[in-house]
Amino acid sequence: MSEPVLRHAGVNLGGTQDHPRANAESGIFGFWVFLMSDAVIFALLFALYGTVVAATAGGPRPADVFELGSALAETLLLLTSSLTIGLAVLAMKYDGTRRPVLAWMGVTLALGVAFLALELHDFATMFAQGAYPTRSGFLSAFFALVPLHGLHVLAGSVWMLVMAAQILAYGFDARVRINVLRLSLFWHFLDVIWIAILSVVYLQGHLP
């Protein structure tokens, strides 16, 4: 009786798996558990922000310091990067050569770096207006939540460089395929968190 072919949504591991009995699904499931634990941390920070957003202590209010146009530009960058990382995964599945995968990952990395540059500019502008984390409860919660997401984007960008090196060194063996899929899940997760930040922090901050 033939060995079962290991598959996962978007990535076929058949033909590249050195150990056919290895359970690729368990590795992906474990990464989902990690993402859910990370989601709990963000949920707690969202709850904290919601309870202290009005605690400005006479300092800047959300509408005074938030650049909605910049936040929307950052959203466009991240949503586009979610598309490009998905295209990288599809290129790995259907093309199987290094060049298109690395090209789409390079575009994703460039979009992520552009997002971080805009976000750092926003933070610098806020500091110039006297909106420091220690100024009020609102600003403390803001700088606990939003920069944490930025650190995740930075980590994902570094991970993308590592994955590019692994692809160049090992090609698309089962380990690399699984790691690329994990990277794409992580990047999509960051997009979901950012949409929540845009809605709860930036858009509500400009409500009358």
N, C-alpha and C. Protein backbone atom coordinates (compact mmCIF):
# COMPACT_ATOMS: atom_id res chain seq x y z
N MET A 1 0.85 -1.19 0.00
CA MET A 1 0.00 0.00 0.00
C MET A 1 0.89 1.24 0.00
N SER A 2 0.62 2.19 -0.88
CA SER A 2 1.47 3.38 -1.01
C SER A 2 1.32 4.30 0.19
N GLU A 3 2.39 5.05 0.45
CA GLU A 3 2.37 6.01 1.54
C GLU A 3 1.42 7.16 1.22
N PRO A 4 0.75 7.72 2.23
CA PRO A 4 -0.12 8.87 1.96
C PRO A 4 0.71 10.08 1.53
N VAL A 5 0.16 10.86 0.63
CA VAL A 5 0.82 12.07 0.18
C VAL A 5 0.44 13.21 1.12
N LEU A 6 1.45 13.84 1.67
CA LEU A 6 1.20 14.93 2.62
C LEU A 6 0.87 16.20 1.85
N ARG A 7 -0.22 16.83 2.22
CA ARG A 7 -0.63 18.05 1.55
C ARG A 7 -1.05 19.08 2.60
N HIS A 8 -0.96 20.30 2.21
CA HIS A 8 -1.52 21.38 3.00
C HIS A 8 -2.07 22.40 2.04
N ALA A 9 -3.07 23.16 2.50
CA ALA A 9 -3.71 24.14 1.62
C ALA A 9 -2.67 25.06 1.00
N GLY A 10 -2.62 25.06 -0.33
CA GLY A 10 -1.72 25.95 -1.05
C GLY A 10 -0.35 25.38 -1.31
N VAL A 11 0.11 24.38 -0.53
CA VAL A 11 1.45 23.85 -0.69
C VAL A 11 1.39 22.33 -0.71
N ASN A 12 1.80 21.74 -1.83
CA ASN A 12 1.84 20.29 -1.95
C ASN A 12 3.22 19.81 -1.55
N LEU A 13 3.29 18.96 -0.52
CA LEU A 13 4.57 18.45 -0.04
C LEU A 13 4.98 17.16 -0.73
N GLY A 14 4.10 16.61 -1.52
CA GLY A 14 4.42 15.36 -2.20
C GLY A 14 5.60 15.53 -3.13
N GLY A 15 6.46 14.49 -3.19
CA GLY A 15 7.60 14.53 -4.08
C GLY A 15 8.81 15.23 -3.50
N THR A 16 8.68 15.90 -2.39
CA THR A 16 9.82 16.58 -1.79
C THR A 16 10.02 16.15 -0.34
N GLN A 17 9.15 15.30 0.15
CA GLN A 17 9.20 14.92 1.56
C GLN A 17 10.16 13.76 1.75
N ASP A 18 11.23 13.98 2.50
CA ASP A 18 12.21 12.93 2.74
C ASP A 18 11.67 11.86 3.67
N HIS A 19 10.76 12.22 4.56
CA HIS A 19 10.18 11.27 5.51
C HIS A 19 8.67 11.28 5.31
N PRO A 20 8.16 10.39 4.44
CA PRO A 20 6.74 10.45 4.07
C PRO A 20 5.80 10.35 5.25
N ARG A 21 6.22 9.71 6.34
CA ARG A 21 5.32 9.55 7.48
C ARG A 21 5.32 10.76 8.40
N ALA A 22 6.20 11.69 8.16
CA ALA A 22 6.22 12.89 9.00
C ALA A 22 4.90 13.62 8.86
N ASN A 23 4.42 14.16 9.95
CA ASN A 23 3.11 14.80 9.95
C ASN A 23 3.27 16.30 9.75
N ALA A 24 3.16 16.71 8.49
CA ALA A 24 3.32 18.13 8.19
C ALA A 24 2.19 18.95 8.80
N GLU A 25 1.01 18.37 8.88
CA GLU A 25 -0.13 19.10 9.43
C GLU A 25 0.11 19.52 10.87
N SER A 26 0.80 18.68 11.65
CA SER A 26 1.02 19.01 13.06
C SER A 26 1.92 20.23 13.19
N GLY A 27 2.89 20.38 12.26
CA GLY A 27 3.75 21.55 12.30
C GLY A 27 2.99 22.82 12.02
N ILE A 28 2.08 22.77 11.06
CA ILE A 28 1.26 23.94 10.75
C ILE A 28 0.30 24.23 11.89
N PHE A 29 -0.28 23.16 12.47
CA PHE A 29 -1.19 23.36 13.59
C PHE A 29 -0.48 24.02 14.76
N GLY A 30 0.75 23.58 15.03
CA GLY A 30 1.52 24.20 16.12
C GLY A 30 1.75 25.68 15.87
N PHE A 31 1.97 26.05 14.61
CA PHE A 31 2.16 27.46 14.31
C PHE A 31 0.86 28.24 14.48
N TRP A 32 -0.28 27.63 14.15
CA TRP A 32 -1.57 28.27 14.41
C TRP A 32 -1.76 28.52 15.90
N VAL A 33 -1.32 27.58 16.73
CA VAL A 33 -1.41 27.78 18.18
C VAL A 33 -0.59 28.99 18.61
N PHE A 34 0.61 29.11 18.04
CA PHE A 34 1.44 30.28 18.33
C PHE A 34 0.72 31.57 17.92
N LEU A 35 0.13 31.58 16.73
CA LEU A 35 -0.56 32.78 16.27
C LEU A 35 -1.74 33.12 17.18
N MET A 36 -2.45 32.11 17.65
CA MET A 36 -3.58 32.38 18.53
C MET A 36 -3.10 32.93 19.87
N SER A 37 -1.97 32.44 20.36
CA SER A 37 -1.43 32.99 21.61
C SER A 37 -1.01 34.44 21.41
N ASP A 38 -0.45 34.74 20.23
CA ASP A 38 -0.09 36.12 19.92
C ASP A 38 -1.34 36.99 19.81
N ALA A 39 -2.41 36.42 19.25
CA ALA A 39 -3.67 37.17 19.14
C ALA A 39 -4.23 37.52 20.51
N VAL A 40 -4.03 36.63 21.49
CA VAL A 40 -4.50 36.91 22.85
C VAL A 40 -3.77 38.13 23.42
N ILE A 41 -2.46 38.22 23.16
CA ILE A 41 -1.70 39.38 23.64
C ILE A 41 -2.24 40.66 23.03
N PHE A 42 -2.49 40.63 21.73
CA PHE A 42 -3.03 41.83 21.08
C PHE A 42 -4.44 42.14 21.59
N ALA A 43 -5.23 41.11 21.85
CA ALA A 43 -6.58 41.34 22.37
C ALA A 43 -6.53 42.04 23.72
N LEU A 44 -5.60 41.65 24.56
CA LEU A 44 -5.45 42.31 25.87
C LEU A 44 -5.04 43.77 25.70
N LEU A 45 -4.16 44.04 24.74
CA LEU A 45 -3.74 45.42 24.51
C LEU A 45 -4.87 46.25 23.92
N PHE A 46 -5.70 45.65 23.06
CA PHE A 46 -6.86 46.35 22.55
C PHE A 46 -7.83 46.68 23.68
N ALA A 47 -8.02 45.73 24.59
CA ALA A 47 -8.91 45.97 25.73
C ALA A 47 -8.36 47.09 26.61
N LEU A 48 -7.04 47.08 26.84
CA LEU A 48 -6.41 48.15 27.62
C LEU A 48 -6.60 49.50 26.95
N TYR A 49 -6.37 49.54 25.65
CA TYR A 49 -6.53 50.80 24.93
C TYR A 49 -7.96 51.31 25.03
N GLY A 50 -8.93 50.41 24.89
CA GLY A 50 -10.32 50.82 24.95
C GLY A 50 -10.73 51.41 26.29
N THR A 51 -10.07 50.96 27.35
CA THR A 51 -10.44 51.45 28.68
C THR A 51 -9.79 52.79 29.03
N VAL A 52 -8.68 53.13 28.35
CA VAL A 52 -7.97 54.36 28.74
C VAL A 52 -7.88 55.38 27.60
N VAL A 53 -8.56 55.12 26.49
CA VAL A 53 -8.45 56.04 25.36
C VAL A 53 -8.90 57.45 25.71
N ALA A 54 -9.82 57.56 26.65
CA ALA A 54 -10.30 58.89 27.05
C ALA A 54 -9.42 59.52 28.12
N ALA A 55 -8.45 58.78 28.64
CA ALA A 55 -7.60 59.29 29.73
C ALA A 55 -6.44 60.07 29.13
N THR A 56 -6.71 61.27 28.66
CA THR A 56 -5.68 62.09 28.02
C THR A 56 -4.93 62.99 28.99
N ALA A 57 -5.44 63.13 30.22
CA ALA A 57 -4.79 63.95 31.25
C ALA A 57 -4.51 65.36 30.75
N GLY A 58 -5.42 65.91 29.97
CA GLY A 58 -5.24 67.25 29.45
C GLY A 58 -4.26 67.36 28.31
N GLY A 59 -3.72 66.23 27.87
CA GLY A 59 -2.76 66.23 26.77
C GLY A 59 -3.43 66.01 25.42
N PRO A 60 -2.65 65.62 24.41
CA PRO A 60 -3.21 65.42 23.07
C PRO A 60 -4.27 64.32 23.05
N ARG A 61 -5.31 64.56 22.28
CA ARG A 61 -6.34 63.56 22.07
C ARG A 61 -6.04 62.79 20.79
N PRO A 62 -6.71 61.65 20.56
CA PRO A 62 -6.44 60.87 19.34
C PRO A 62 -6.53 61.70 18.07
N ALA A 63 -7.59 62.49 17.94
CA ALA A 63 -7.77 63.29 16.72
C ALA A 63 -6.67 64.33 16.54
N ASP A 64 -5.99 64.70 17.63
CA ASP A 64 -4.95 65.72 17.55
C ASP A 64 -3.64 65.18 16.98
N VAL A 65 -3.40 63.89 17.16
CA VAL A 65 -2.07 63.35 16.81
C VAL A 65 -2.11 62.28 15.73
N PHE A 66 -3.28 61.74 15.42
CA PHE A 66 -3.34 60.68 14.43
C PHE A 66 -3.40 61.26 13.02
N GLU A 67 -2.55 60.74 12.14
CA GLU A 67 -2.56 61.12 10.73
C GLU A 67 -3.34 60.05 9.97
N LEU A 68 -4.62 60.32 9.71
CA LEU A 68 -5.47 59.31 9.09
C LEU A 68 -5.00 58.97 7.67
N GLY A 69 -4.54 59.97 6.92
CA GLY A 69 -4.05 59.71 5.57
C GLY A 69 -2.86 58.77 5.58
N SER A 70 -1.96 58.97 6.52
CA SER A 70 -0.79 58.09 6.63
C SER A 70 -1.21 56.68 7.02
N ALA A 71 -2.18 56.57 7.94
CA ALA A 71 -2.66 55.25 8.36
C ALA A 71 -3.30 54.51 7.19
N LEU A 72 -4.03 55.21 6.35
CA LEU A 72 -4.65 54.58 5.18
C LEU A 72 -3.59 54.14 4.18
N ALA A 73 -2.54 54.94 4.01
CA ALA A 73 -1.45 54.56 3.12
C ALA A 73 -0.74 53.32 3.65
N GLU A 74 -0.54 53.24 4.96
CA GLU A 74 0.07 52.06 5.56
C GLU A 74 -0.81 50.84 5.36
N THR A 75 -2.13 51.04 5.44
CA THR A 75 -3.05 49.94 5.22
C THR A 75 -2.94 49.42 3.79
N LEU A 76 -2.87 50.32 2.84
CA LEU A 76 -2.73 49.92 1.44
C LEU A 76 -1.44 49.13 1.22
N LEU A 77 -0.36 49.57 1.84
CA LEU A 77 0.91 48.86 1.71
C LEU A 77 0.81 47.44 2.27
N LEU A 78 0.21 47.30 3.46
CA LEU A 78 0.13 45.98 4.06
C LEU A 78 -0.81 45.05 3.30
N LEU A 79 -1.94 45.57 2.85
CA LEU A 79 -2.88 44.73 2.11
C LEU A 79 -2.25 44.27 0.79
N THR A 80 -1.50 45.16 0.14
CA THR A 80 -0.81 44.76 -1.08
C THR A 80 0.25 43.70 -0.79
N SER A 81 0.94 43.86 0.33
CA SER A 81 1.96 42.88 0.70
C SER A 81 1.35 41.52 1.01
N SER A 82 0.12 41.51 1.51
CA SER A 82 -0.57 40.25 1.74
C SER A 82 -0.83 39.53 0.42
N LEU A 83 -1.17 40.31 -0.61
CA LEU A 83 -1.35 39.73 -1.95
C LEU A 83 -0.05 39.18 -2.49
N THR A 84 1.04 39.93 -2.34
CA THR A 84 2.30 39.49 -2.93
C THR A 84 2.88 38.27 -2.22
N ILE A 85 2.71 38.16 -0.89
CA ILE A 85 3.21 36.96 -0.21
C ILE A 85 2.37 35.75 -0.62
N GLY A 86 1.07 35.98 -0.88
CA GLY A 86 0.24 34.89 -1.40
C GLY A 86 0.69 34.46 -2.78
N LEU A 87 1.08 35.41 -3.61
CA LEU A 87 1.58 35.07 -4.94
C LEU A 87 2.90 34.31 -4.86
N ALA A 88 3.71 34.62 -3.85
CA ALA A 88 4.96 33.88 -3.66
C ALA A 88 4.66 32.41 -3.34
N VAL A 89 3.66 32.17 -2.48
CA VAL A 89 3.29 30.80 -2.14
C VAL A 89 2.75 30.07 -3.37
N LEU A 90 1.91 30.75 -4.16
CA LEU A 90 1.37 30.12 -5.37
C LEU A 90 2.47 29.83 -6.38
N ALA A 91 3.45 30.73 -6.49
CA ALA A 91 4.56 30.49 -7.40
C ALA A 91 5.37 29.28 -6.96
N MET A 92 5.52 29.11 -5.65
CA MET A 92 6.24 27.95 -5.13
C MET A 92 5.49 26.66 -5.46
N LYS A 93 4.16 26.71 -5.41
CA LYS A 93 3.37 25.51 -5.67
C LYS A 93 3.31 25.16 -7.15
N TYR A 94 3.03 26.16 -7.99
CA TYR A 94 2.75 25.87 -9.39
C TYR A 94 3.96 26.03 -10.30
N ASP A 95 4.92 26.89 -9.92
CA ASP A 95 6.10 27.09 -10.76
C ASP A 95 7.26 26.23 -10.28
N GLY A 96 7.55 26.35 -9.01
CA GLY A 96 8.58 25.51 -8.42
C GLY A 96 10.01 25.96 -8.68
N THR A 97 10.19 27.14 -9.25
CA THR A 97 11.54 27.67 -9.45
C THR A 97 11.78 28.83 -8.49
N ARG A 98 13.03 29.13 -8.26
CA ARG A 98 13.38 30.12 -7.25
C ARG A 98 13.00 31.54 -7.65
N ARG A 99 13.23 31.89 -8.90
CA ARG A 99 13.14 33.30 -9.30
C ARG A 99 11.80 33.95 -8.99
N PRO A 100 10.65 33.38 -9.42
CA PRO A 100 9.38 34.09 -9.14
C PRO A 100 9.06 34.16 -7.65
N VAL A 101 9.42 33.11 -6.91
CA VAL A 101 9.16 33.13 -5.47
C VAL A 101 9.98 34.23 -4.80
N LEU A 102 11.26 34.29 -5.12
CA LEU A 102 12.11 35.31 -4.52
C LEU A 102 11.69 36.71 -4.96
N ALA A 103 11.22 36.83 -6.21
CA ALA A 103 10.78 38.14 -6.70
C ALA A 103 9.57 38.63 -5.90
N TRP A 104 8.58 37.76 -5.70
CA TRP A 104 7.39 38.17 -4.96
C TRP A 104 7.71 38.41 -3.50
N MET A 105 8.63 37.61 -2.94
CA MET A 105 9.04 37.86 -1.56
C MET A 105 9.79 39.19 -1.45
N GLY A 106 10.57 39.53 -2.48
CA GLY A 106 11.27 40.81 -2.47
C GLY A 106 10.30 41.98 -2.50
N VAL A 107 9.24 41.86 -3.30
CA VAL A 107 8.22 42.91 -3.34
C VAL A 107 7.54 43.04 -1.98
N THR A 108 7.22 41.88 -1.39
CA THR A 108 6.60 41.88 -0.06
C THR A 108 7.49 42.56 0.97
N LEU A 109 8.78 42.24 0.92
CA LEU A 109 9.73 42.85 1.85
C LEU A 109 9.80 44.36 1.65
N ALA A 110 9.82 44.81 0.40
CA ALA A 110 9.88 46.25 0.12
C ALA A 110 8.63 46.95 0.66
N LEU A 111 7.47 46.33 0.50
CA LEU A 111 6.24 46.93 1.02
C LEU A 111 6.25 46.97 2.54
N GLY A 112 6.78 45.92 3.17
CA GLY A 112 6.87 45.90 4.63
C GLY A 112 7.81 46.98 5.15
N VAL A 113 8.94 47.18 4.48
CA VAL A 113 9.88 48.21 4.89
C VAL A 113 9.27 49.60 4.70
N ALA A 114 8.53 49.79 3.60
CA ALA A 114 7.86 51.07 3.37
C ALA A 114 6.83 51.35 4.45
N PHE A 115 6.11 50.30 4.87
CA PHE A 115 5.15 50.44 5.97
C PHE A 115 5.86 50.90 7.24
N LEU A 116 6.98 50.25 7.57
CA LEU A 116 7.71 50.61 8.78
C LEU A 116 8.24 52.04 8.71
N ALA A 117 8.69 52.47 7.53
CA ALA A 117 9.20 53.83 7.38
C ALA A 117 8.09 54.85 7.63
N LEU A 118 6.90 54.59 7.09
CA LEU A 118 5.78 55.51 7.33
C LEU A 118 5.38 55.53 8.80
N GLU A 119 5.38 54.36 9.42
CA GLU A 119 5.00 54.30 10.82
C GLU A 119 6.00 55.03 11.70
N LEU A 120 7.27 54.87 11.44
CA LEU A 120 8.29 55.58 12.21
C LEU A 120 8.15 57.09 12.02
N HIS A 121 7.81 57.50 10.81
CA HIS A 121 7.57 58.93 10.56
C HIS A 121 6.39 59.44 11.40
N ASP A 122 5.33 58.62 11.49
CA ASP A 122 4.17 58.99 12.31
C ASP A 122 4.57 59.14 13.77
N PHE A 123 5.36 58.20 14.27
CA PHE A 123 5.78 58.27 15.67
C PHE A 123 6.64 59.51 15.91
N ALA A 124 7.54 59.81 14.98
CA ALA A 124 8.39 61.00 15.13
C ALA A 124 7.55 62.27 15.14
N THR A 125 6.52 62.31 14.31
CA THR A 125 5.63 63.46 14.29
C THR A 125 4.89 63.60 15.62
N MET A 126 4.44 62.48 16.16
CA MET A 126 3.76 62.52 17.45
C MET A 126 4.69 63.01 18.55
N PHE A 127 5.93 62.55 18.55
CA PHE A 127 6.89 63.01 19.56
C PHE A 127 7.12 64.51 19.43
N ALA A 128 7.18 64.99 18.19
CA ALA A 128 7.39 66.43 17.97
C ALA A 128 6.23 67.26 18.51
N GLN A 129 5.05 66.65 18.59
CA GLN A 129 3.88 67.33 19.13
C GLN A 129 3.73 67.13 20.63
N GLY A 130 4.71 66.51 21.25
CA GLY A 130 4.66 66.28 22.69
C GLY A 130 3.86 65.06 23.10
N ALA A 131 3.54 64.18 22.14
CA ALA A 131 2.75 62.98 22.43
C ALA A 131 3.68 61.83 22.77
N TYR A 132 4.19 61.84 23.99
CA TYR A 132 5.10 60.79 24.46
C TYR A 132 4.30 59.70 25.19
N PRO A 133 4.85 58.49 25.29
CA PRO A 133 4.14 57.41 25.99
C PRO A 133 3.81 57.75 27.44
N THR A 134 4.65 58.54 28.09
CA THR A 134 4.44 58.86 29.50
C THR A 134 3.51 60.06 29.71
N ARG A 135 3.01 60.64 28.64
CA ARG A 135 2.19 61.85 28.75
C ARG A 135 0.82 61.55 29.33
N SER A 136 0.23 60.41 28.98
CA SER A 136 -1.12 60.09 29.46
C SER A 136 -1.36 58.59 29.33
N GLY A 137 -2.45 58.14 29.94
CA GLY A 137 -2.83 56.74 29.82
C GLY A 137 -3.14 56.37 28.38
N PHE A 138 -3.78 57.26 27.67
CA PHE A 138 -4.10 57.02 26.25
C PHE A 138 -2.84 56.77 25.44
N LEU A 139 -1.84 57.63 25.61
CA LEU A 139 -0.62 57.48 24.83
C LEU A 139 0.19 56.27 25.27
N SER A 140 0.15 55.94 26.56
CA SER A 140 0.84 54.74 27.03
C SER A 140 0.25 53.50 26.37
N ALA A 141 -1.08 53.43 26.30
CA ALA A 141 -1.74 52.28 25.68
C ALA A 141 -1.47 52.24 24.19
N PHE A 142 -1.48 53.41 23.55
CA PHE A 142 -1.22 53.48 22.11
C PHE A 142 0.17 52.95 21.79
N PHE A 143 1.17 53.41 22.55
CA PHE A 143 2.54 53.00 22.27
C PHE A 143 2.85 51.59 22.78
N ALA A 144 1.95 51.00 23.52
CA ALA A 144 2.08 49.58 23.84
C ALA A 144 1.53 48.70 22.72
N LEU A 145 0.48 49.19 22.05
CA LEU A 145 -0.20 48.40 21.03
C LEU A 145 0.41 48.54 19.64
N VAL A 146 0.46 49.76 19.13
CA VAL A 146 0.83 49.95 17.73
C VAL A 146 2.30 49.62 17.45
N PRO A 147 3.27 50.08 18.25
CA PRO A 147 4.65 49.69 17.97
C PRO A 147 4.89 48.18 18.10
N LEU A 148 4.10 47.49 18.93
CA LEU A 148 4.26 46.04 19.03
C LEU A 148 3.94 45.39 17.67
N HIS A 149 2.90 45.88 17.02
CA HIS A 149 2.60 45.39 15.68
C HIS A 149 3.76 45.70 14.73
N GLY A 150 4.33 46.90 14.84
CA GLY A 150 5.47 47.25 14.00
C GLY A 150 6.66 46.33 14.24
N LEU A 151 6.88 45.95 15.48
CA LEU A 151 7.97 45.01 15.78
C LEU A 151 7.71 43.66 15.13
N HIS A 152 6.44 43.26 15.07
CA HIS A 152 6.10 42.01 14.38
C HIS A 152 6.39 42.12 12.89
N VAL A 153 6.07 43.27 12.30
CA VAL A 153 6.37 43.46 10.87
C VAL A 153 7.88 43.41 10.65
N LEU A 154 8.64 44.02 11.56
CA LEU A 154 10.10 43.97 11.46
C LEU A 154 10.60 42.52 11.55
N ALA A 155 10.05 41.76 12.49
CA ALA A 155 10.44 40.36 12.64
C ALA A 155 10.09 39.57 11.38
N GLY A 156 8.90 39.84 10.81
CA GLY A 156 8.52 39.16 9.58
C GLY A 156 9.43 39.51 8.43
N SER A 157 9.90 40.75 8.38
CA SER A 157 10.82 41.18 7.32
C SER A 157 12.16 40.46 7.44
N VAL A 158 12.67 40.34 8.67
CA VAL A 158 13.91 39.62 8.89
C VAL A 158 13.72 38.15 8.54
N TRP A 159 12.59 37.58 8.93
CA TRP A 159 12.28 36.19 8.61
C TRP A 159 12.27 35.99 7.09
N MET A 160 11.76 36.97 6.35
CA MET A 160 11.71 36.86 4.89
C MET A 160 13.12 36.78 4.31
N LEU A 161 14.04 37.55 4.86
CA LEU A 161 15.42 37.47 4.41
C LEU A 161 16.02 36.10 4.71
N VAL A 162 15.71 35.57 5.88
CA VAL A 162 16.19 34.23 6.23
C VAL A 162 15.63 33.19 5.28
N MET A 163 14.35 33.31 4.95
CA MET A 163 13.73 32.35 4.04
C MET A 163 14.34 32.45 2.64
N ALA A 164 14.66 33.65 2.20
CA ALA A 164 15.30 33.82 0.90
C ALA A 164 16.64 33.09 0.88
N ALA A 165 17.39 33.21 1.98
CA ALA A 165 18.67 32.51 2.08
C ALA A 165 18.46 30.99 2.07
N GLN A 166 17.43 30.51 2.75
CA GLN A 166 17.16 29.07 2.76
C GLN A 166 16.75 28.57 1.38
N ILE A 167 15.96 29.35 0.67
CA ILE A 167 15.55 28.95 -0.68
C ILE A 167 16.77 28.86 -1.60
N LEU A 168 17.66 29.83 -1.50
CA LEU A 168 18.86 29.80 -2.33
C LEU A 168 19.76 28.64 -1.96
N ALA A 169 19.78 28.28 -0.69
CA ALA A 169 20.68 27.22 -0.23
C ALA A 169 20.11 25.82 -0.44
N TYR A 170 18.80 25.65 -0.19
CA TYR A 170 18.23 24.30 -0.17
C TYR A 170 17.15 24.07 -1.23
N GLY A 171 16.76 25.11 -1.95
CA GLY A 171 15.66 24.92 -2.90
C GLY A 171 14.34 24.81 -2.17
N PHE A 172 13.45 23.98 -2.71
CA PHE A 172 12.12 23.86 -2.11
C PHE A 172 11.90 22.45 -1.58
N ASP A 173 12.73 22.07 -0.60
CA ASP A 173 12.46 20.80 0.07
C ASP A 173 11.28 20.99 1.03
N ALA A 174 10.85 19.94 1.67
CA ALA A 174 9.64 19.99 2.50
C ALA A 174 9.78 20.99 3.64
N ARG A 175 10.97 21.06 4.23
CA ARG A 175 11.18 21.99 5.35
C ARG A 175 11.02 23.44 4.90
N VAL A 176 11.60 23.77 3.76
CA VAL A 176 11.50 25.14 3.25
C VAL A 176 10.07 25.47 2.88
N ARG A 177 9.36 24.53 2.26
CA ARG A 177 7.97 24.77 1.88
C ARG A 177 7.11 25.06 3.11
N ILE A 178 7.29 24.26 4.14
CA ILE A 178 6.52 24.48 5.37
C ILE A 178 6.86 25.83 5.98
N ASN A 179 8.14 26.20 5.97
CA ASN A 179 8.54 27.48 6.56
C ASN A 179 8.00 28.67 5.77
N VAL A 180 7.97 28.53 4.44
CA VAL A 180 7.38 29.60 3.63
C VAL A 180 5.90 29.75 3.94
N LEU A 181 5.21 28.62 4.10
CA LEU A 181 3.79 28.68 4.45
C LEU A 181 3.59 29.31 5.81
N ARG A 182 4.42 28.98 6.77
CA ARG A 182 4.33 29.60 8.09
C ARG A 182 4.55 31.11 7.99
N LEU A 183 5.53 31.51 7.20
CA LEU A 183 5.79 32.94 7.01
C LEU A 183 4.57 33.64 6.41
N SER A 184 3.94 33.02 5.43
CA SER A 184 2.77 33.65 4.82
C SER A 184 1.62 33.75 5.81
N LEU A 185 1.42 32.73 6.65
CA LEU A 185 0.38 32.80 7.67
C LEU A 185 0.66 33.94 8.65
N PHE A 186 1.92 34.06 9.05
CA PHE A 186 2.31 35.12 9.98
C PHE A 186 2.05 36.49 9.36
N TRP A 187 2.38 36.65 8.08
CA TRP A 187 2.21 37.94 7.42
C TRP A 187 0.72 38.28 7.28
N HIS A 188 -0.10 37.29 6.92
CA HIS A 188 -1.54 37.53 6.84
C HIS A 188 -2.12 37.89 8.21
N PHE A 189 -1.59 37.25 9.26
CA PHE A 189 -2.03 37.55 10.62
C PHE A 189 -1.75 39.01 10.97
N LEU A 190 -0.58 39.50 10.56
CA LEU A 190 -0.24 40.90 10.82
C LEU A 190 -1.19 41.84 10.10
N ASP A 191 -1.64 41.47 8.91
CA ASP A 191 -2.61 42.29 8.19
C ASP A 191 -3.93 42.36 8.95
N VAL A 192 -4.37 41.22 9.49
CA VAL A 192 -5.62 41.20 10.25
C VAL A 192 -5.51 42.09 11.47
N ILE A 193 -4.40 41.99 12.18
CA ILE A 193 -4.20 42.83 13.37
C ILE A 193 -4.17 44.31 12.98
N TRP A 194 -3.55 44.63 11.85
CA TRP A 194 -3.50 46.03 11.44
C TRP A 194 -4.88 46.57 11.11
N ILE A 195 -5.71 45.77 10.45
CA ILE A 195 -7.07 46.21 10.15
C ILE A 195 -7.81 46.53 11.44
N ALA A 196 -7.59 45.71 12.47
CA ALA A 196 -8.21 45.98 13.77
C ALA A 196 -7.66 47.29 14.35
N ILE A 197 -6.34 47.52 14.23
CA ILE A 197 -5.76 48.77 14.73
C ILE A 197 -6.33 49.96 13.97
N LEU A 198 -6.43 49.83 12.65
CA LEU A 198 -6.98 50.93 11.85
C LEU A 198 -8.40 51.26 12.30
N SER A 199 -9.20 50.24 12.56
CA SER A 199 -10.61 50.45 12.92
C SER A 199 -10.76 50.98 14.34
N VAL A 200 -10.08 50.33 15.29
CA VAL A 200 -10.28 50.65 16.70
C VAL A 200 -9.51 51.90 17.12
N VAL A 201 -8.32 52.08 16.58
CA VAL A 201 -7.46 53.18 17.02
C VAL A 201 -7.62 54.41 16.12
N TYR A 202 -7.31 54.26 14.85
CA TYR A 202 -7.24 55.44 13.98
C TYR A 202 -8.62 55.95 13.56
N LEU A 203 -9.47 55.07 13.05
CA LEU A 203 -10.78 55.53 12.58
C LEU A 203 -11.65 56.03 13.73
N GLN A 204 -11.71 55.27 14.83
CA GLN A 204 -12.51 55.72 15.98
C GLN A 204 -11.90 56.96 16.61
N GLY A 205 -10.60 57.13 16.49
CA GLY A 205 -9.95 58.31 17.05
C GLY A 205 -10.38 59.59 16.36
N HIS A 206 -10.89 59.48 15.14
CA HIS A 206 -11.33 60.66 14.40
C HIS A 206 -12.85 60.83 14.44
N LEU A 207 -13.54 59.97 15.16
CA LEU A 207 -14.98 60.15 15.30
C LEU A 207 -15.26 61.36 16.19
N PRO A 208 -16.32 62.10 15.92
CA PRO A 208 -16.64 63.27 16.76
C PRO A 208 -17.07 62.85 18.16
